[in-house]
Amino acid sequence: MNQDSSSRGKTYRKSHSVLDVSGAVALGFYEKTFQFLHQDAENALHRPWHKIERGLRIGRLRDFVEREKARLTLNADDEELLFKLLIKGLDRKILNSKASVTYDTDKEQITEIKGLVAHTTATGSTKYSLIEKKPVATQKRRQVSAAATTTGPTVQAPATQRDVA
């Protein structure tokens, strides 16, 4: 395996003199890619809520907060606290499902957030809270083992008239 460096094969690079450098092919490729990405960005907000990316969801939540501010005449502090609460709910995956957020794909806006409760205090400020549903799991029924039924004494119920007839 001891070979002289002159006997080894040398790697040659292809010359690109025959390549058409007018850029027409490359420009068409980039233009199609740009059109595809632009169309995808336009259609991104027409998707259902659970298929929208996180950044777009945050934008929709910000829009929802602005509409709530106008509807309930919230002050700046209440608006900021509501937005922080919704972001925290998004981080904790409370607002990830389409069951928790009613999203209108035609209008591209949030219609309702289920579990969002507003409390107006005596001072006039509005406090919001997200009610989080705890997951309810069905429990498996215990089956009576065959050993437990055979070892115990068997007691029969008294016969009724229906059983006799």
N, C-alpha and C. Protein backbone atom coordinates (compact mmCIF):
# COMPACT_ATOMS: atom_id res chain seq x y z
N MET A 1 0.81 -1.18 0.00
CA MET A 1 0.00 0.00 0.00
C MET A 1 0.86 1.25 0.00
N ASN A 2 2.12 1.07 -0.13
CA ASN A 2 3.02 2.21 -0.13
C ASN A 2 3.18 2.68 -1.57
N GLN A 3 2.40 3.69 -1.95
CA GLN A 3 2.43 4.16 -3.33
C GLN A 3 3.09 5.52 -3.39
N ASP A 4 3.66 5.75 -4.53
CA ASP A 4 4.27 7.06 -4.77
C ASP A 4 3.16 8.05 -5.10
N SER A 5 3.30 9.29 -4.66
CA SER A 5 2.26 10.30 -4.88
C SER A 5 2.07 10.61 -6.36
N SER A 6 3.07 10.33 -7.20
CA SER A 6 2.93 10.61 -8.63
C SER A 6 2.07 9.56 -9.32
N SER A 7 1.93 8.38 -8.73
CA SER A 7 1.15 7.33 -9.38
C SER A 7 -0.33 7.39 -8.99
N ARG A 8 -0.67 8.20 -8.01
CA ARG A 8 -2.08 8.32 -7.59
C ARG A 8 -2.85 9.16 -8.59
N GLY A 9 -4.13 8.89 -8.67
CA GLY A 9 -4.98 9.65 -9.58
C GLY A 9 -5.23 11.06 -9.05
N LYS A 10 -5.33 11.99 -9.92
CA LYS A 10 -5.54 13.37 -9.53
C LYS A 10 -6.99 13.75 -9.83
N THR A 11 -7.57 14.53 -8.95
CA THR A 11 -8.94 14.99 -9.15
C THR A 11 -8.93 16.24 -10.01
N TYR A 12 -9.70 16.21 -11.07
CA TYR A 12 -9.78 17.34 -11.97
C TYR A 12 -11.13 18.02 -11.79
N ARG A 13 -11.11 19.32 -11.87
CA ARG A 13 -12.36 20.08 -11.79
C ARG A 13 -12.90 20.28 -13.19
N LYS A 14 -14.23 20.27 -13.28
CA LYS A 14 -14.85 20.51 -14.57
C LYS A 14 -14.76 21.99 -14.89
N SER A 15 -14.57 22.26 -16.14
CA SER A 15 -14.58 23.66 -16.54
C SER A 15 -16.03 24.06 -16.82
N HIS A 16 -16.39 25.25 -16.43
CA HIS A 16 -17.76 25.72 -16.58
C HIS A 16 -17.89 26.71 -17.73
N SER A 17 -17.08 26.56 -18.73
CA SER A 17 -17.13 27.50 -19.84
C SER A 17 -18.38 27.30 -20.70
N VAL A 18 -18.97 26.11 -20.68
CA VAL A 18 -20.14 25.84 -21.49
C VAL A 18 -21.44 26.24 -20.80
N LEU A 19 -21.36 26.62 -19.57
CA LEU A 19 -22.55 26.98 -18.80
C LEU A 19 -23.11 28.30 -19.29
N ASP A 20 -24.41 28.33 -19.50
CA ASP A 20 -25.08 29.56 -19.91
C ASP A 20 -25.21 30.46 -18.68
N VAL A 21 -24.57 31.58 -18.68
CA VAL A 21 -24.56 32.47 -17.53
C VAL A 21 -25.52 33.63 -17.71
N SER A 22 -26.46 33.51 -18.60
CA SER A 22 -27.40 34.61 -18.79
C SER A 22 -28.30 34.78 -17.56
N GLY A 23 -28.49 33.73 -16.78
CA GLY A 23 -29.27 33.82 -15.55
C GLY A 23 -30.75 33.62 -15.76
N ALA A 24 -31.18 33.34 -16.97
CA ALA A 24 -32.61 33.19 -17.24
C ALA A 24 -33.19 31.99 -16.50
N VAL A 25 -32.47 30.89 -16.46
CA VAL A 25 -32.96 29.70 -15.78
C VAL A 25 -32.97 29.93 -14.28
N ALA A 26 -31.90 30.48 -13.77
CA ALA A 26 -31.81 30.72 -12.33
C ALA A 26 -32.84 31.74 -11.89
N LEU A 27 -33.07 32.77 -12.67
CA LEU A 27 -34.05 33.79 -12.31
C LEU A 27 -35.45 33.20 -12.26
N GLY A 28 -35.76 32.33 -13.21
CA GLY A 28 -37.06 31.67 -13.21
C GLY A 28 -37.25 30.82 -11.97
N PHE A 29 -36.20 30.12 -11.56
CA PHE A 29 -36.27 29.30 -10.36
C PHE A 29 -36.52 30.16 -9.13
N TYR A 30 -35.76 31.25 -9.00
CA TYR A 30 -35.92 32.12 -7.84
C TYR A 30 -37.28 32.81 -7.85
N GLU A 31 -37.75 33.16 -9.03
CA GLU A 31 -39.05 33.81 -9.13
C GLU A 31 -40.17 32.86 -8.71
N LYS A 32 -40.08 31.60 -9.15
CA LYS A 32 -41.08 30.61 -8.75
C LYS A 32 -41.02 30.35 -7.25
N THR A 33 -39.82 30.29 -6.71
CA THR A 33 -39.68 30.07 -5.27
C THR A 33 -40.26 31.24 -4.50
N PHE A 34 -39.99 32.46 -4.96
CA PHE A 34 -40.53 33.64 -4.29
C PHE A 34 -42.05 33.65 -4.36
N GLN A 35 -42.61 33.30 -5.52
CA GLN A 35 -44.07 33.26 -5.66
C GLN A 35 -44.68 32.22 -4.73
N PHE A 36 -44.02 31.06 -4.63
CA PHE A 36 -44.51 30.00 -3.75
C PHE A 36 -44.50 30.46 -2.29
N LEU A 37 -43.40 31.06 -1.87
CA LEU A 37 -43.30 31.52 -0.49
C LEU A 37 -44.29 32.65 -0.20
N HIS A 38 -44.48 33.53 -1.17
CA HIS A 38 -45.42 34.63 -1.00
C HIS A 38 -46.86 34.09 -0.88
N GLN A 39 -47.19 33.13 -1.72
CA GLN A 39 -48.53 32.54 -1.68
C GLN A 39 -48.73 31.77 -0.37
N ASP A 40 -47.70 31.08 0.10
CA ASP A 40 -47.78 30.35 1.36
C ASP A 40 -47.99 31.31 2.53
N ALA A 41 -47.32 32.46 2.48
CA ALA A 41 -47.47 33.45 3.54
C ALA A 41 -48.87 34.05 3.53
N GLU A 42 -49.44 34.26 2.36
CA GLU A 42 -50.80 34.79 2.28
C GLU A 42 -51.82 33.80 2.81
N ASN A 43 -51.60 32.52 2.55
CA ASN A 43 -52.55 31.49 2.97
C ASN A 43 -52.33 31.04 4.41
N ALA A 44 -51.27 31.51 5.05
CA ALA A 44 -50.94 31.02 6.39
C ALA A 44 -52.03 31.33 7.40
N LEU A 45 -52.66 32.48 7.29
CA LEU A 45 -53.68 32.86 8.26
C LEU A 45 -55.05 32.27 7.92
N HIS A 46 -55.18 31.64 6.75
CA HIS A 46 -56.44 31.00 6.39
C HIS A 46 -56.50 29.56 6.90
N ARG A 47 -55.45 29.10 7.56
CA ARG A 47 -55.43 27.75 8.11
C ARG A 47 -56.24 27.70 9.39
N PRO A 48 -56.64 26.50 9.82
CA PRO A 48 -57.28 26.38 11.13
C PRO A 48 -56.32 26.77 12.25
N TRP A 49 -56.86 27.12 13.41
CA TRP A 49 -56.06 27.65 14.52
C TRP A 49 -54.93 26.71 14.91
N HIS A 50 -55.19 25.42 14.99
CA HIS A 50 -54.17 24.48 15.47
C HIS A 50 -53.07 24.24 14.45
N LYS A 51 -53.20 24.77 13.23
CA LYS A 51 -52.15 24.60 12.22
C LYS A 51 -51.39 25.89 11.93
N ILE A 52 -51.70 26.96 12.65
CA ILE A 52 -51.00 28.23 12.46
C ILE A 52 -49.73 28.21 13.30
N GLU A 53 -48.63 28.75 12.75
CA GLU A 53 -47.37 28.79 13.47
C GLU A 53 -47.47 29.72 14.68
N ARG A 54 -46.55 29.54 15.61
CA ARG A 54 -46.58 30.27 16.88
C ARG A 54 -46.53 31.79 16.68
N GLY A 55 -45.66 32.27 15.82
CA GLY A 55 -45.53 33.71 15.61
C GLY A 55 -46.81 34.33 15.07
N LEU A 56 -47.48 33.62 14.17
CA LEU A 56 -48.75 34.12 13.63
C LEU A 56 -49.85 34.05 14.68
N ARG A 57 -49.79 33.03 15.55
CA ARG A 57 -50.77 32.96 16.65
C ARG A 57 -50.62 34.14 17.59
N ILE A 58 -49.37 34.52 17.88
CA ILE A 58 -49.13 35.66 18.76
C ILE A 58 -49.71 36.93 18.13
N GLY A 59 -49.55 37.08 16.83
CA GLY A 59 -50.13 38.23 16.14
C GLY A 59 -51.65 38.24 16.22
N ARG A 60 -52.27 37.06 16.07
CA ARG A 60 -53.73 36.97 16.18
C ARG A 60 -54.18 37.27 17.62
N LEU A 61 -53.40 36.82 18.61
CA LEU A 61 -53.74 37.13 20.01
C LEU A 61 -53.63 38.62 20.28
N ARG A 62 -52.62 39.25 19.70
CA ARG A 62 -52.46 40.71 19.86
C ARG A 62 -53.66 41.44 19.25
N ASP A 63 -54.12 40.96 18.10
CA ASP A 63 -55.29 41.55 17.46
C ASP A 63 -56.54 41.35 18.32
N PHE A 64 -56.67 40.17 18.94
CA PHE A 64 -57.80 39.90 19.83
C PHE A 64 -57.78 40.84 21.03
N VAL A 65 -56.60 41.08 21.59
CA VAL A 65 -56.48 41.98 22.74
C VAL A 65 -56.88 43.40 22.34
N GLU A 66 -56.50 43.83 21.14
CA GLU A 66 -56.88 45.17 20.67
C GLU A 66 -58.40 45.29 20.54
N ARG A 67 -59.05 44.25 20.03
CA ARG A 67 -60.50 44.28 19.91
C ARG A 67 -61.18 44.27 21.28
N GLU A 68 -60.61 43.49 22.23
CA GLU A 68 -61.15 43.47 23.59
C GLU A 68 -60.98 44.82 24.26
N LYS A 69 -59.87 45.48 23.98
CA LYS A 69 -59.62 46.81 24.55
C LYS A 69 -60.69 47.79 24.07
N ALA A 70 -61.02 47.73 22.79
CA ALA A 70 -62.04 48.63 22.25
C ALA A 70 -63.43 48.27 22.76
N ARG A 71 -63.69 46.97 22.92
CA ARG A 71 -65.02 46.52 23.32
C ARG A 71 -65.30 46.83 24.79
N LEU A 72 -64.31 46.60 25.65
CA LEU A 72 -64.50 46.79 27.09
C LEU A 72 -63.85 48.05 27.64
N THR A 73 -63.29 48.87 26.77
CA THR A 73 -62.56 50.09 27.14
C THR A 73 -61.55 49.81 28.25
N LEU A 74 -60.61 48.94 27.93
CA LEU A 74 -59.55 48.59 28.88
C LEU A 74 -58.48 49.67 28.89
N ASN A 75 -57.83 49.83 30.04
CA ASN A 75 -56.69 50.75 30.08
C ASN A 75 -55.43 49.99 29.65
N ALA A 76 -54.32 50.68 29.56
CA ALA A 76 -53.08 50.09 29.03
C ALA A 76 -52.56 48.96 29.92
N ASP A 77 -52.70 49.10 31.24
CA ASP A 77 -52.21 48.06 32.15
C ASP A 77 -53.02 46.77 31.99
N ASP A 78 -54.34 46.91 31.93
CA ASP A 78 -55.19 45.74 31.76
C ASP A 78 -54.95 45.06 30.42
N GLU A 79 -54.71 45.87 29.40
CA GLU A 79 -54.42 45.32 28.07
C GLU A 79 -53.12 44.52 28.09
N GLU A 80 -52.11 45.07 28.74
CA GLU A 80 -50.82 44.38 28.82
C GLU A 80 -50.93 43.09 29.63
N LEU A 81 -51.68 43.13 30.73
CA LEU A 81 -51.85 41.92 31.55
C LEU A 81 -52.63 40.85 30.80
N LEU A 82 -53.63 41.25 30.02
CA LEU A 82 -54.38 40.29 29.22
C LEU A 82 -53.48 39.64 28.17
N PHE A 83 -52.66 40.42 27.50
CA PHE A 83 -51.77 39.86 26.48
C PHE A 83 -50.76 38.90 27.11
N LYS A 84 -50.21 39.27 28.27
CA LYS A 84 -49.26 38.38 28.96
C LYS A 84 -49.93 37.09 29.38
N LEU A 85 -51.17 37.18 29.84
CA LEU A 85 -51.91 35.99 30.24
C LEU A 85 -52.13 35.06 29.05
N LEU A 86 -52.49 35.63 27.91
CA LEU A 86 -52.73 34.81 26.73
C LEU A 86 -51.44 34.17 26.22
N ILE A 87 -50.34 34.90 26.28
CA ILE A 87 -49.05 34.33 25.87
C ILE A 87 -48.65 33.20 26.82
N LYS A 88 -48.89 33.40 28.10
CA LYS A 88 -48.58 32.36 29.08
C LYS A 88 -49.44 31.12 28.82
N GLY A 89 -50.70 31.34 28.48
CA GLY A 89 -51.59 30.23 28.14
C GLY A 89 -51.14 29.51 26.88
N LEU A 90 -50.60 30.26 25.93
CA LEU A 90 -50.07 29.66 24.71
C LEU A 90 -48.82 28.84 25.03
N ASP A 91 -47.97 29.35 25.92
CA ASP A 91 -46.76 28.63 26.31
C ASP A 91 -47.10 27.34 27.07
N ARG A 92 -48.14 27.40 27.89
CA ARG A 92 -48.54 26.22 28.65
C ARG A 92 -49.43 25.28 27.84
N LYS A 93 -49.62 25.59 26.57
CA LYS A 93 -50.36 24.77 25.60
C LYS A 93 -51.84 24.66 25.94
N ILE A 94 -52.36 25.67 26.65
CA ILE A 94 -53.80 25.71 26.91
C ILE A 94 -54.53 26.19 25.66
N LEU A 95 -53.92 27.09 24.91
CA LEU A 95 -54.57 27.69 23.75
C LEU A 95 -54.14 27.06 22.43
N ASN A 96 -53.56 25.87 22.47
CA ASN A 96 -53.08 25.25 21.23
C ASN A 96 -54.17 24.52 20.45
N SER A 97 -55.21 24.08 21.12
CA SER A 97 -56.20 23.27 20.43
C SER A 97 -57.28 24.14 19.81
N LYS A 98 -57.90 23.60 18.78
CA LYS A 98 -58.97 24.35 18.14
C LYS A 98 -60.23 24.33 18.98
N ALA A 99 -60.30 23.45 19.99
CA ALA A 99 -61.45 23.44 20.90
C ALA A 99 -61.39 24.59 21.88
N SER A 100 -60.20 25.07 22.20
CA SER A 100 -60.07 26.15 23.19
C SER A 100 -60.17 27.53 22.56
N VAL A 101 -59.89 27.65 21.27
CA VAL A 101 -59.92 28.94 20.59
C VAL A 101 -60.83 28.83 19.37
N THR A 102 -61.83 29.70 19.30
CA THR A 102 -62.69 29.76 18.12
C THR A 102 -62.09 30.78 17.17
N TYR A 103 -61.61 30.28 16.02
CA TYR A 103 -60.89 31.11 15.06
C TYR A 103 -61.65 31.12 13.75
N ASP A 104 -61.94 32.30 13.24
CA ASP A 104 -62.63 32.47 11.96
C ASP A 104 -61.58 32.58 10.86
N THR A 105 -61.51 31.56 10.00
CA THR A 105 -60.47 31.55 8.96
C THR A 105 -60.77 32.57 7.86
N ASP A 106 -62.03 32.91 7.65
CA ASP A 106 -62.36 33.89 6.61
C ASP A 106 -61.96 35.29 7.02
N LYS A 107 -62.27 35.65 8.26
CA LYS A 107 -61.92 36.99 8.76
C LYS A 107 -60.50 37.05 9.30
N GLU A 108 -59.88 35.88 9.47
CA GLU A 108 -58.52 35.76 10.01
C GLU A 108 -58.42 36.39 11.40
N GLN A 109 -59.39 36.08 12.26
CA GLN A 109 -59.35 36.64 13.60
C GLN A 109 -59.96 35.66 14.60
N ILE A 110 -59.58 35.83 15.85
CA ILE A 110 -60.10 35.01 16.93
C ILE A 110 -61.48 35.53 17.31
N THR A 111 -62.46 34.66 17.32
CA THR A 111 -63.81 35.04 17.70
C THR A 111 -63.99 34.93 19.21
N GLU A 112 -63.50 33.82 19.78
CA GLU A 112 -63.72 33.57 21.21
C GLU A 112 -62.60 32.71 21.74
N ILE A 113 -62.24 32.96 22.99
CA ILE A 113 -61.29 32.09 23.69
C ILE A 113 -62.06 31.46 24.84
N LYS A 114 -62.26 30.15 24.75
CA LYS A 114 -63.02 29.46 25.78
C LYS A 114 -62.16 29.34 27.03
N GLY A 115 -62.74 29.61 28.16
CA GLY A 115 -62.01 29.56 29.42
C GLY A 115 -61.45 30.90 29.85
N LEU A 116 -61.61 31.94 29.03
CA LEU A 116 -61.15 33.27 29.39
C LEU A 116 -62.27 33.98 30.13
N VAL A 117 -61.99 34.33 31.40
CA VAL A 117 -63.01 34.94 32.25
C VAL A 117 -62.52 36.31 32.67
N ALA A 118 -63.41 37.31 32.56
CA ALA A 118 -63.08 38.68 32.94
C ALA A 118 -63.80 39.02 34.24
N HIS A 119 -63.06 39.63 35.17
CA HIS A 119 -63.62 40.10 36.44
C HIS A 119 -63.34 41.58 36.55
N THR A 120 -64.37 42.39 36.70
CA THR A 120 -64.19 43.82 36.88
C THR A 120 -64.20 44.12 38.37
N THR A 121 -63.14 44.76 38.84
CA THR A 121 -63.02 45.07 40.26
C THR A 121 -63.76 46.36 40.57
N ALA A 122 -63.83 46.69 41.87
CA ALA A 122 -64.53 47.90 42.31
C ALA A 122 -63.81 49.16 41.84
N THR A 123 -62.51 49.06 41.63
CA THR A 123 -61.74 50.22 41.18
C THR A 123 -61.92 50.49 39.69
N GLY A 124 -62.55 49.56 38.98
CA GLY A 124 -62.79 49.75 37.56
C GLY A 124 -61.82 49.00 36.67
N SER A 125 -60.80 48.39 37.24
CA SER A 125 -59.86 47.62 36.41
C SER A 125 -60.45 46.24 36.13
N THR A 126 -60.05 45.67 35.03
CA THR A 126 -60.55 44.36 34.62
C THR A 126 -59.43 43.35 34.74
N LYS A 127 -59.69 42.29 35.48
CA LYS A 127 -58.73 41.20 35.66
C LYS A 127 -59.22 39.99 34.87
N TYR A 128 -58.32 39.39 34.14
CA TYR A 128 -58.65 38.21 33.35
C TYR A 128 -58.00 36.98 33.95
N SER A 129 -58.62 35.84 33.72
CA SER A 129 -58.02 34.57 34.12
C SER A 129 -58.43 33.51 33.10
N LEU A 130 -57.56 32.54 32.94
CA LEU A 130 -57.83 31.42 32.05
C LEU A 130 -58.19 30.22 32.91
N ILE A 131 -59.38 29.70 32.69
CA ILE A 131 -59.79 28.51 33.42
C ILE A 131 -59.25 27.31 32.65
N GLU A 132 -58.44 26.56 33.34
CA GLU A 132 -57.78 25.42 32.71
C GLU A 132 -58.54 24.16 33.08
N LYS A 133 -59.03 23.46 32.09
CA LYS A 133 -59.72 22.21 32.36
C LYS A 133 -58.68 21.15 32.67
N LYS A 134 -58.90 20.47 33.77
CA LYS A 134 -57.98 19.40 34.12
C LYS A 134 -58.35 18.16 33.30
N PRO A 135 -57.35 17.46 32.83
CA PRO A 135 -57.66 16.28 32.02
C PRO A 135 -58.35 15.22 32.86
N VAL A 136 -59.48 14.76 32.37
CA VAL A 136 -60.24 13.74 33.07
C VAL A 136 -59.96 12.42 32.37
N ALA A 137 -59.38 11.51 33.12
CA ALA A 137 -59.06 10.21 32.55
C ALA A 137 -60.09 9.20 33.01
N THR A 138 -60.45 8.33 32.12
CA THR A 138 -61.36 7.26 32.51
C THR A 138 -60.55 6.20 33.22
N GLN A 139 -61.12 5.68 34.27
CA GLN A 139 -60.40 4.66 35.02
C GLN A 139 -60.80 3.28 34.53
N LYS A 140 -59.84 2.41 34.57
CA LYS A 140 -60.06 1.06 34.14
C LYS A 140 -60.88 0.32 35.21
N ARG A 141 -61.86 -0.42 34.80
CA ARG A 141 -62.64 -1.18 35.75
C ARG A 141 -61.82 -2.36 36.24
N ARG A 142 -61.95 -2.59 37.52
CA ARG A 142 -61.26 -3.76 38.07
C ARG A 142 -62.07 -4.99 37.77
N GLN A 143 -61.40 -5.98 37.27
CA GLN A 143 -62.08 -7.23 37.01
C GLN A 143 -61.84 -8.16 38.18
N VAL A 144 -62.89 -8.82 38.60
CA VAL A 144 -62.77 -9.75 39.71
C VAL A 144 -62.02 -10.96 39.18
N SER A 145 -60.96 -11.30 39.87
CA SER A 145 -60.15 -12.42 39.38
C SER A 145 -60.88 -13.73 39.62
N ALA A 146 -60.56 -14.72 38.84
CA ALA A 146 -61.20 -16.02 38.93
C ALA A 146 -60.85 -16.70 40.25
N ALA A 147 -59.66 -16.48 40.77
CA ALA A 147 -59.23 -17.10 42.03
C ALA A 147 -60.05 -16.56 43.20
N ALA A 148 -60.38 -15.30 43.19
CA ALA A 148 -61.13 -14.70 44.28
C ALA A 148 -62.57 -15.21 44.30
N THR A 149 -63.13 -15.52 43.16
CA THR A 149 -64.52 -15.98 43.12
C THR A 149 -64.63 -17.45 43.49
N THR A 150 -63.62 -18.26 43.23
CA THR A 150 -63.72 -19.68 43.52
C THR A 150 -63.35 -20.00 44.96
N THR A 151 -62.53 -19.17 45.60
CA THR A 151 -62.11 -19.48 46.96
C THR A 151 -63.16 -19.11 47.99
N GLY A 152 -63.95 -18.14 47.72
CA GLY A 152 -64.96 -17.69 48.68
C GLY A 152 -66.19 -18.58 48.62
N PRO A 153 -66.96 -18.56 49.72
CA PRO A 153 -68.19 -19.38 49.71
C PRO A 153 -69.19 -18.80 48.73
N THR A 154 -69.87 -19.68 48.06
CA THR A 154 -70.86 -19.23 47.09
C THR A 154 -72.22 -19.20 47.77
N VAL A 155 -72.85 -18.07 47.68
CA VAL A 155 -74.17 -17.91 48.27
C VAL A 155 -75.12 -17.57 47.14
N GLN A 156 -76.17 -18.36 47.04
CA GLN A 156 -77.14 -18.11 46.00
C GLN A 156 -78.28 -17.28 46.56
N ALA A 157 -78.78 -16.41 45.73
CA ALA A 157 -79.92 -15.60 46.13
C ALA A 157 -81.16 -16.48 46.14
N PRO A 158 -82.10 -16.16 47.03
CA PRO A 158 -83.32 -16.97 47.06
C PRO A 158 -84.07 -16.85 45.73
N ALA A 159 -84.69 -17.92 45.35
CA ALA A 159 -85.41 -17.96 44.08
C ALA A 159 -86.65 -17.10 44.16
N THR A 160 -86.89 -16.36 43.09
CA THR A 160 -88.09 -15.54 43.03
C THR A 160 -89.10 -16.23 42.13
N GLN A 161 -90.27 -15.65 42.04
CA GLN A 161 -91.30 -16.26 41.21
C GLN A 161 -90.91 -16.23 39.75
N ARG A 162 -90.17 -15.19 39.34
CA ARG A 162 -89.73 -15.11 37.95
C ARG A 162 -88.75 -16.22 37.62
N ASP A 163 -87.87 -16.55 38.59
CA ASP A 163 -86.88 -17.59 38.35
C ASP A 163 -87.55 -18.97 38.25
N VAL A 164 -88.58 -19.18 39.01
CA VAL A 164 -89.23 -20.48 39.05
C VAL A 164 -90.04 -20.72 37.77
N ALA A 165 -90.72 -19.72 37.30
CA ALA A 165 -91.61 -19.88 36.15
C ALA A 165 -90.90 -19.99 34.87
